[in-house]
């Protein structure tokens, strides 16, 4: 019989932050496409950096702001 260990809230919050980062990143790329690159698509390197920075930033922020539950 195996024991189940509780998942720390920081891990749960960071997972939600990563999912939210994917949605928010798409919105930021759309904003760049609408207001900065009016006659063309956002270049792939710029789009990639937006996805990387927004996704990583929201993941880190969500994990950082959540209190520890498992010691």
PDB file of N, CA and C in Angstrom:
ATOM      1  N   UNK A   1       0.845  -1.166   0.000  1.00  0.00           N
ATOM      2  CA  UNK A   1       0.000   0.000   0.000  1.00  0.00           C
ATOM      3  C   UNK A   1       0.898   1.238   0.000  1.00  0.00           C
ATOM      4  N   UNK A   2       0.589   2.169  -0.858  1.00  0.00           N
ATOM      5  CA  UNK A   2       1.431   3.359  -0.956  1.00  0.00           C
ATOM      6  C   UNK A   2       0.754   4.541  -0.271  1.00  0.00           C
ATOM      7  N   UNK A   3       1.590   5.410   0.249  1.00  0.00           N
ATOM      8  CA  UNK A   3       1.086   6.636   0.863  1.00  0.00           C
ATOM      9  C   UNK A   3       0.979   7.723  -0.198  1.00  0.00           C
ATOM     10  N   UNK A   4       0.035   8.584  -0.005  1.00  0.00           N
ATOM     11  CA  UNK A   4      -0.052   9.739  -0.909  1.00  0.00           C
ATOM     12  C   UNK A   4       0.465  10.963  -0.181  1.00  0.00           C
ATOM     13  N   UNK A   5       1.327  11.661  -0.842  1.00  0.00           N
ATOM     14  CA  UNK A   5       1.880  12.889  -0.277  1.00  0.00           C
ATOM     15  C   UNK A   5       1.090  14.079  -0.811  1.00  0.00           C
ATOM     16  N   UNK A   6       0.795  15.026   0.045  1.00  0.00           N
ATOM     17  CA  UNK A   6       0.046  16.191  -0.437  1.00  0.00           C
ATOM     18  C   UNK A   6       0.903  17.050  -1.374  1.00  0.00           C
ATOM     19  N   UNK A   7       0.252  17.637  -2.339  1.00  0.00           N
ATOM     20  CA  UNK A   7       0.934  18.535  -3.274  1.00  0.00           C
ATOM     21  C   UNK A   7       0.925  19.931  -2.671  1.00  0.00           C
ATOM     22  N   UNK A   8       2.084  20.534  -2.636  1.00  0.00           N
ATOM     23  CA  UNK A   8       2.184  21.864  -2.042  1.00  0.00           C
ATOM     24  C   UNK A   8       1.419  22.886  -2.883  1.00  0.00           C
ATOM     25  N   UNK A   9       0.842  23.849  -2.203  1.00  0.00           N
ATOM     26  CA  UNK A   9       0.049  24.872  -2.885  1.00  0.00           C
ATOM     27  C   UNK A   9       0.881  25.688  -3.868  1.00  0.00           C
ATOM     28  N   UNK A  10       2.178  25.842  -3.620  1.00  0.00           N
ATOM     29  CA  UNK A  10       3.036  26.579  -4.545  1.00  0.00           C
ATOM     30  C   UNK A  10       3.070  25.893  -5.908  1.00  0.00           C
ATOM     31  N   UNK A  11       3.089  24.577  -5.910  1.00  0.00           N
ATOM     32  CA  UNK A  11       3.118  23.830  -7.170  1.00  0.00           C
ATOM     33  C   UNK A  11       1.795  23.995  -7.907  1.00  0.00           C
ATOM     34  N   UNK A  12       0.702  23.915  -7.186  1.00  0.00           N
ATOM     35  CA  UNK A  12      -0.616  24.098  -7.803  1.00  0.00           C
ATOM     36  C   UNK A  12      -0.748  25.498  -8.390  1.00  0.00           C
ATOM     37  N   UNK A  13      -0.319  26.497  -7.646  1.00  0.00           N
ATOM     38  CA  UNK A  13      -0.433  27.884  -8.110  1.00  0.00           C
ATOM     39  C   UNK A  13       0.451  28.130  -9.336  1.00  0.00           C
ATOM     40  N   UNK A  14       1.653  27.580  -9.325  1.00  0.00           N
ATOM     41  CA  UNK A  14       2.548  27.761 -10.466  1.00  0.00           C
ATOM     42  C   UNK A  14       1.983  27.085 -11.714  1.00  0.00           C
ATOM     43  N   UNK A  15       1.314  25.956 -11.545  1.00  0.00           N
ATOM     44  CA  UNK A  15       0.698  25.279 -12.677  1.00  0.00           C
ATOM     45  C   UNK A  15      -0.425  26.123 -13.265  1.00  0.00           C
ATOM     46  N   UNK A  16      -1.229  26.707 -12.409  1.00  0.00           N
ATOM     47  CA  UNK A  16      -2.293  27.602 -12.887  1.00  0.00           C
ATOM     48  C   UNK A  16      -1.679  28.832 -13.550  1.00  0.00           C
ATOM     49  N   UNK A  17      -0.598  29.352 -12.980  1.00  0.00           N
ATOM     50  CA  UNK A  17       0.087  30.499 -13.576  1.00  0.00           C
ATOM     51  C   UNK A  17       0.617  30.193 -14.962  1.00  0.00           C
ATOM     52  N   UNK A  18       1.108  28.977 -15.168  1.00  0.00           N
ATOM     53  CA  UNK A  18       1.612  28.595 -16.489  1.00  0.00           C
ATOM     54  C   UNK A  18       0.485  28.527 -17.511  1.00  0.00           C
ATOM     55  N   UNK A  19      -0.647  27.973 -17.117  1.00  0.00           N
ATOM     56  CA  UNK A  19      -1.794  27.926 -18.026  1.00  0.00           C
ATOM     57  C   UNK A  19      -2.316  29.307 -18.348  1.00  0.00           C
ATOM     58  N   UNK A  20      -2.362  30.151 -17.347  1.00  0.00           N
ATOM     59  CA  UNK A  20      -2.804  31.524 -17.554  1.00  0.00           C
ATOM     60  C   UNK A  20      -1.813  32.267 -18.438  1.00  0.00           C
ATOM     61  N   UNK A  21      -0.540  31.979 -18.263  1.00  0.00           N
ATOM     62  CA  UNK A  21       0.490  32.614 -19.086  1.00  0.00           C
ATOM     63  C   UNK A  21       0.313  32.315 -20.563  1.00  0.00           C
ATOM     64  N   UNK A  22      -0.133  31.109 -20.898  1.00  0.00           N
ATOM     65  CA  UNK A  22      -0.357  30.763 -22.304  1.00  0.00           C
ATOM     66  C   UNK A  22      -1.476  31.610 -22.902  1.00  0.00           C
ATOM     67  N   UNK A  23      -2.536  31.808 -22.141  1.00  0.00           N
ATOM     68  CA  UNK A  23      -3.664  32.604 -22.635  1.00  0.00           C
ATOM     69  C   UNK A  23      -3.284  34.084 -22.725  1.00  0.00           C
ATOM     70  N   UNK A  24      -2.645  34.592 -21.684  1.00  0.00           N
ATOM     71  CA  UNK A  24      -2.278  36.010 -21.650  1.00  0.00           C
ATOM     72  C   UNK A  24      -1.221  36.324 -22.711  1.00  0.00           C
ATOM     73  N   UNK A  25      -0.313  35.401 -22.957  1.00  0.00           N
ATOM     74  CA  UNK A  25       0.707  35.605 -23.989  1.00  0.00           C
ATOM     75  C   UNK A  25       0.079  35.768 -25.358  1.00  0.00           C
ATOM     76  N   UNK A  26      -0.913  34.941 -25.631  1.00  0.00           N
ATOM     77  CA  UNK A  26      -1.611  35.045 -26.910  1.00  0.00           C
ATOM     78  C   UNK A  26      -2.271  36.413 -27.056  1.00  0.00           C
ATOM     79  N   UNK A  27      -2.838  36.908 -25.984  1.00  0.00           N
ATOM     80  CA  UNK A  27      -3.452  38.233 -26.004  1.00  0.00           C
ATOM     81  C   UNK A  27      -2.405  39.319 -26.267  1.00  0.00           C
ATOM     82  N   UNK A  28      -1.234  39.223 -25.631  1.00  0.00           N
ATOM     83  CA  UNK A  28      -0.186  40.216 -25.850  1.00  0.00           C
ATOM     84  C   UNK A  28       0.330  40.185 -27.288  1.00  0.00           C
ATOM     85  N   UNK A  29       0.451  38.995 -27.853  1.00  0.00           N
ATOM     86  CA  UNK A  29       0.896  38.903 -29.249  1.00  0.00           C
ATOM     87  C   UNK A  29      -0.158  39.528 -30.163  1.00  0.00           C
ATOM     88  N   UNK A  30      -1.429  39.308 -29.867  1.00  0.00           N
ATOM     89  CA  UNK A  30      -2.495  39.938 -30.649  1.00  0.00           C
ATOM     90  C   UNK A  30      -2.410  41.465 -30.547  1.00  0.00           C
ATOM     91  N   UNK A  31      -2.168  41.983 -29.315  1.00  0.00           N
ATOM     92  CA  UNK A  31      -2.029  43.432 -29.147  1.00  0.00           C
ATOM     93  C   UNK A  31      -0.869  43.980 -29.971  1.00  0.00           C
ATOM     94  N   UNK A  32       0.262  43.282 -29.943  1.00  0.00           N
ATOM     95  CA  UNK A  32       1.411  43.711 -30.747  1.00  0.00           C
ATOM     96  C   UNK A  32       1.066  43.713 -32.228  1.00  0.00           C
ATOM     97  N   UNK A  33       0.344  42.692 -32.665  1.00  0.00           N
ATOM     98  CA  UNK A  33      -0.030  42.595 -34.071  1.00  0.00           C
ATOM     99  C   UNK A  33      -0.981  43.723 -34.473  1.00  0.00           C
ATOM    100  N   UNK A  34      -1.889  44.084 -33.592  1.00  0.00           N
ATOM    101  CA  UNK A  34      -2.875  45.125 -33.907  1.00  0.00           C
ATOM    102  C   UNK A  34      -2.295  46.534 -33.862  1.00  0.00           C
ATOM    103  N   UNK A  35      -1.419  46.808 -32.911  1.00  0.00           N
ATOM    104  CA  UNK A  35      -1.003  48.188 -32.674  1.00  0.00           C
ATOM    105  C   UNK A  35       0.437  48.510 -33.050  1.00  0.00           C
ATOM    106  N   UNK A  36       1.295  47.517 -33.152  1.00  0.00           N
ATOM    107  CA  UNK A  36       2.693  47.808 -33.456  1.00  0.00           C
ATOM    108  C   UNK A  36       3.055  47.381 -34.879  1.00  0.00           C
ATOM    109  N   UNK A  37       2.669  46.170 -35.258  1.00  0.00           N
ATOM    110  CA  UNK A  37       2.906  45.680 -36.606  1.00  0.00           C
ATOM    111  C   UNK A  37       1.574  45.714 -37.346  1.00  0.00           C
ATOM    112  N   UNK A  38       1.214  46.888 -37.847  1.00  0.00           N
ATOM    113  CA  UNK A  38      -0.121  47.064 -38.427  1.00  0.00           C
ATOM    114  C   UNK A  38      -0.272  46.412 -39.798  1.00  0.00           C
ATOM    115  N   UNK A  39       0.782  46.344 -40.578  1.00  0.00           N
ATOM    116  CA  UNK A  39       0.674  45.818 -41.944  1.00  0.00           C
ATOM    117  C   UNK A  39       1.201  44.400 -42.094  1.00  0.00           C
ATOM    118  N   UNK A  40       1.559  43.766 -41.016  1.00  0.00           N
ATOM    119  CA  UNK A  40       2.104  42.416 -41.126  1.00  0.00           C
ATOM    120  C   UNK A  40       2.002  41.675 -39.817  1.00  0.00           C
ATOM    121  N   UNK A  41       2.506  40.469 -39.843  1.00  0.00           N
ATOM    122  CA  UNK A  41       2.484  39.644 -38.639  1.00  0.00           C
ATOM    123  C   UNK A  41       3.653  39.990 -37.721  1.00  0.00           C
ATOM    124  N   UNK A  42       3.481  39.667 -36.462  1.00  0.00           N
ATOM    125  CA  UNK A  42       4.560  39.839 -35.492  1.00  0.00           C
ATOM    126  C   UNK A  42       5.667  38.844 -35.854  1.00  0.00           C
ATOM    127  N   UNK A  43       6.923  39.278 -35.916  1.00  0.00           N
ATOM    128  CA  UNK A  43       8.013  38.350 -36.240  1.00  0.00           C
ATOM    129  C   UNK A  43       8.084  37.207 -35.229  1.00  0.00           C
ATOM    130  N   UNK A  44       8.463  36.048 -35.693  1.00  0.00           N
ATOM    131  CA  UNK A  44       8.528  34.861 -34.836  1.00  0.00           C
ATOM    132  C   UNK A  44       9.424  35.032 -33.610  1.00  0.00           C
ATOM    133  N   UNK A  45      10.619  35.646 -33.738  1.00  0.00           N
ATOM    134  CA  UNK A  45      11.436  35.824 -32.528  1.00  0.00           C
ATOM    135  C   UNK A  45      10.751  36.694 -31.471  1.00  0.00           C
ATOM    136  N   UNK A  46      10.049  37.726 -31.894  1.00  0.00           N
ATOM    137  CA  UNK A  46       9.338  38.595 -30.947  1.00  0.00           C
ATOM    138  C   UNK A  46       8.199  37.825 -30.295  1.00  0.00           C
ATOM    139  N   UNK A  47       7.453  37.106 -31.096  1.00  0.00           N
ATOM    140  CA  UNK A  47       6.353  36.299 -30.581  1.00  0.00           C
ATOM    141  C   UNK A  47       6.872  35.256 -29.585  1.00  0.00           C
ATOM    142  N   UNK A  48       7.965  34.609 -29.915  1.00  0.00           N
ATOM    143  CA  UNK A  48       8.548  33.609 -29.022  1.00  0.00           C
ATOM    144  C   UNK A  48       8.996  34.202 -27.699  1.00  0.00           C
ATOM    145  N   UNK A  49       9.598  35.386 -27.740  1.00  0.00           N
ATOM    146  CA  UNK A  49      10.032  36.032 -26.504  1.00  0.00           C
ATOM    147  C   UNK A  49       8.851  36.445 -25.645  1.00  0.00           C
ATOM    148  N   UNK A  50       7.764  36.885 -26.280  1.00  0.00           N
ATOM    149  CA  UNK A  50       6.567  37.244 -25.516  1.00  0.00           C
ATOM    150  C   UNK A  50       6.034  36.017 -24.795  1.00  0.00           C
ATOM    151  N   UNK A  51       5.910  34.898 -25.515  1.00  0.00           N
ATOM    152  CA  UNK A  51       5.427  33.665 -24.883  1.00  0.00           C
ATOM    153  C   UNK A  51       6.344  33.229 -23.740  1.00  0.00           C
ATOM    154  N   UNK A  52       7.637  33.320 -23.959  1.00  0.00           N
ATOM    155  CA  UNK A  52       8.600  32.906 -22.941  1.00  0.00           C
ATOM    156  C   UNK A  52       8.532  33.793 -21.708  1.00  0.00           C
ATOM    157  N   UNK A  53       8.592  35.096 -21.899  1.00  0.00           N
ATOM    158  CA  UNK A  53       8.653  36.015 -20.766  1.00  0.00           C
ATOM    159  C   UNK A  53       7.336  36.095 -19.993  1.00  0.00           C
ATOM    160  N   UNK A  54       6.225  36.154 -20.697  1.00  0.00           N
ATOM    161  CA  UNK A  54       4.937  36.249 -20.008  1.00  0.00           C
ATOM    162  C   UNK A  54       4.619  34.938 -19.296  1.00  0.00           C
ATOM    163  N   UNK A  55       4.830  33.809 -19.970  1.00  0.00           N
ATOM    164  CA  UNK A  55       4.564  32.509 -19.344  1.00  0.00           C
ATOM    165  C   UNK A  55       5.438  32.262 -18.129  1.00  0.00           C
ATOM    166  N   UNK A  56       6.734  32.514 -18.265  1.00  0.00           N
ATOM    167  CA  UNK A  56       7.648  32.312 -17.146  1.00  0.00           C
ATOM    168  C   UNK A  56       7.368  33.305 -16.020  1.00  0.00           C
ATOM    169  N   UNK A  57       7.059  34.535 -16.393  1.00  0.00           N
ATOM    170  CA  UNK A  57       6.784  35.553 -15.379  1.00  0.00           C
ATOM    171  C   UNK A  57       5.554  35.231 -14.551  1.00  0.00           C
ATOM    172  N   UNK A  58       4.475  34.830 -15.198  1.00  0.00           N
ATOM    173  CA  UNK A  58       3.257  34.497 -14.457  1.00  0.00           C
ATOM    174  C   UNK A  58       3.430  33.225 -13.627  1.00  0.00           C
ATOM    175  N   UNK A  59       4.164  32.266 -14.142  1.00  0.00           N
ATOM    176  CA  UNK A  59       4.432  31.042 -13.378  1.00  0.00           C
ATOM    177  C   UNK A  59       5.231  31.366 -12.120  1.00  0.00           C
ATOM    178  N   UNK A  60       6.292  32.150 -12.279  1.00  0.00           N
ATOM    179  CA  UNK A  60       7.116  32.529 -11.133  1.00  0.00           C
ATOM    180  C   UNK A  60       6.308  33.344 -10.129  1.00  0.00           C
ATOM    181  N   UNK A  61       5.568  34.325 -10.616  1.00  0.00           N
ATOM    182  CA  UNK A  61       4.807  35.206  -9.731  1.00  0.00           C
ATOM    183  C   UNK A  61       3.772  34.419  -8.926  1.00  0.00           C
ATOM    184  N   UNK A  62       3.058  33.512  -9.566  1.00  0.00           N
ATOM    185  CA  UNK A  62       2.038  32.726  -8.866  1.00  0.00           C
ATOM    186  C   UNK A  62       2.675  31.837  -7.802  1.00  0.00           C
ATOM    187  N   UNK A  63       3.786  31.198  -8.126  1.00  0.00           N
ATOM    188  CA  UNK A  63       4.468  30.358  -7.136  1.00  0.00           C
ATOM    189  C   UNK A  63       5.080  31.164  -6.007  1.00  0.00           C
ATOM    190  N   UNK A  64       5.594  32.330  -6.330  1.00  0.00           N
ATOM    191  CA  UNK A  64       6.242  33.177  -5.324  1.00  0.00           C
ATOM    192  C   UNK A  64       5.229  33.741  -4.328  1.00  0.00           C
ATOM    193  N   UNK A  65       4.054  34.133  -4.808  1.00  0.00           N
ATOM    194  CA  UNK A  65       3.059  34.775  -3.952  1.00  0.00           C
ATOM    195  C   UNK A  65       2.280  33.801  -3.066  1.00  0.00           C
ATOM    196  N   UNK A  66       2.346  32.514  -3.359  1.00  0.00           N
ATOM    197  CA  UNK A  66       1.582  31.518  -2.609  1.00  0.00           C
ATOM    198  C   UNK A  66       2.385  31.075  -1.386  1.00  0.00           C
ATOM    199  N   UNK A  67       1.706  30.877  -0.278  1.00  0.00           N
ATOM    200  CA  UNK A  67       2.374  30.454   0.949  1.00  0.00           C
ATOM    201  C   UNK A  67       2.682  28.957   0.931  1.00  0.00           C
ATOM    202  N   UNK A  68       3.753  28.570   1.645  1.00  0.00           N
ATOM    203  CA  UNK A  68       4.094  27.149   1.784  1.00  0.00           C
ATOM    204  C   UNK A  68       3.051  26.442   2.634  1.00  0.00           C
ATOM    205  N   UNK A  69       2.755  25.191   2.249  1.00  0.00           N
ATOM    206  CA  UNK A  69       1.831  24.388   3.037  1.00  0.00           C
ATOM    207  C   UNK A  69       2.486  23.118   3.553  1.00  0.00           C
ATOM    208  N   UNK A  70       3.492  22.622   2.874  1.00  0.00           N
ATOM    209  CA  UNK A  70       4.181  21.391   3.271  1.00  0.00           C
ATOM    210  C   UNK A  70       5.572  21.762   3.747  1.00  0.00           C
ATOM    211  N   UNK A  71       5.967  21.222   4.867  1.00  0.00           N
ATOM    212  CA  UNK A  71       7.302  21.547   5.397  1.00  0.00           C
ATOM    213  C   UNK A  71       8.190  20.357   5.427  1.00  0.00           C
TER     214      UNK A  71
END
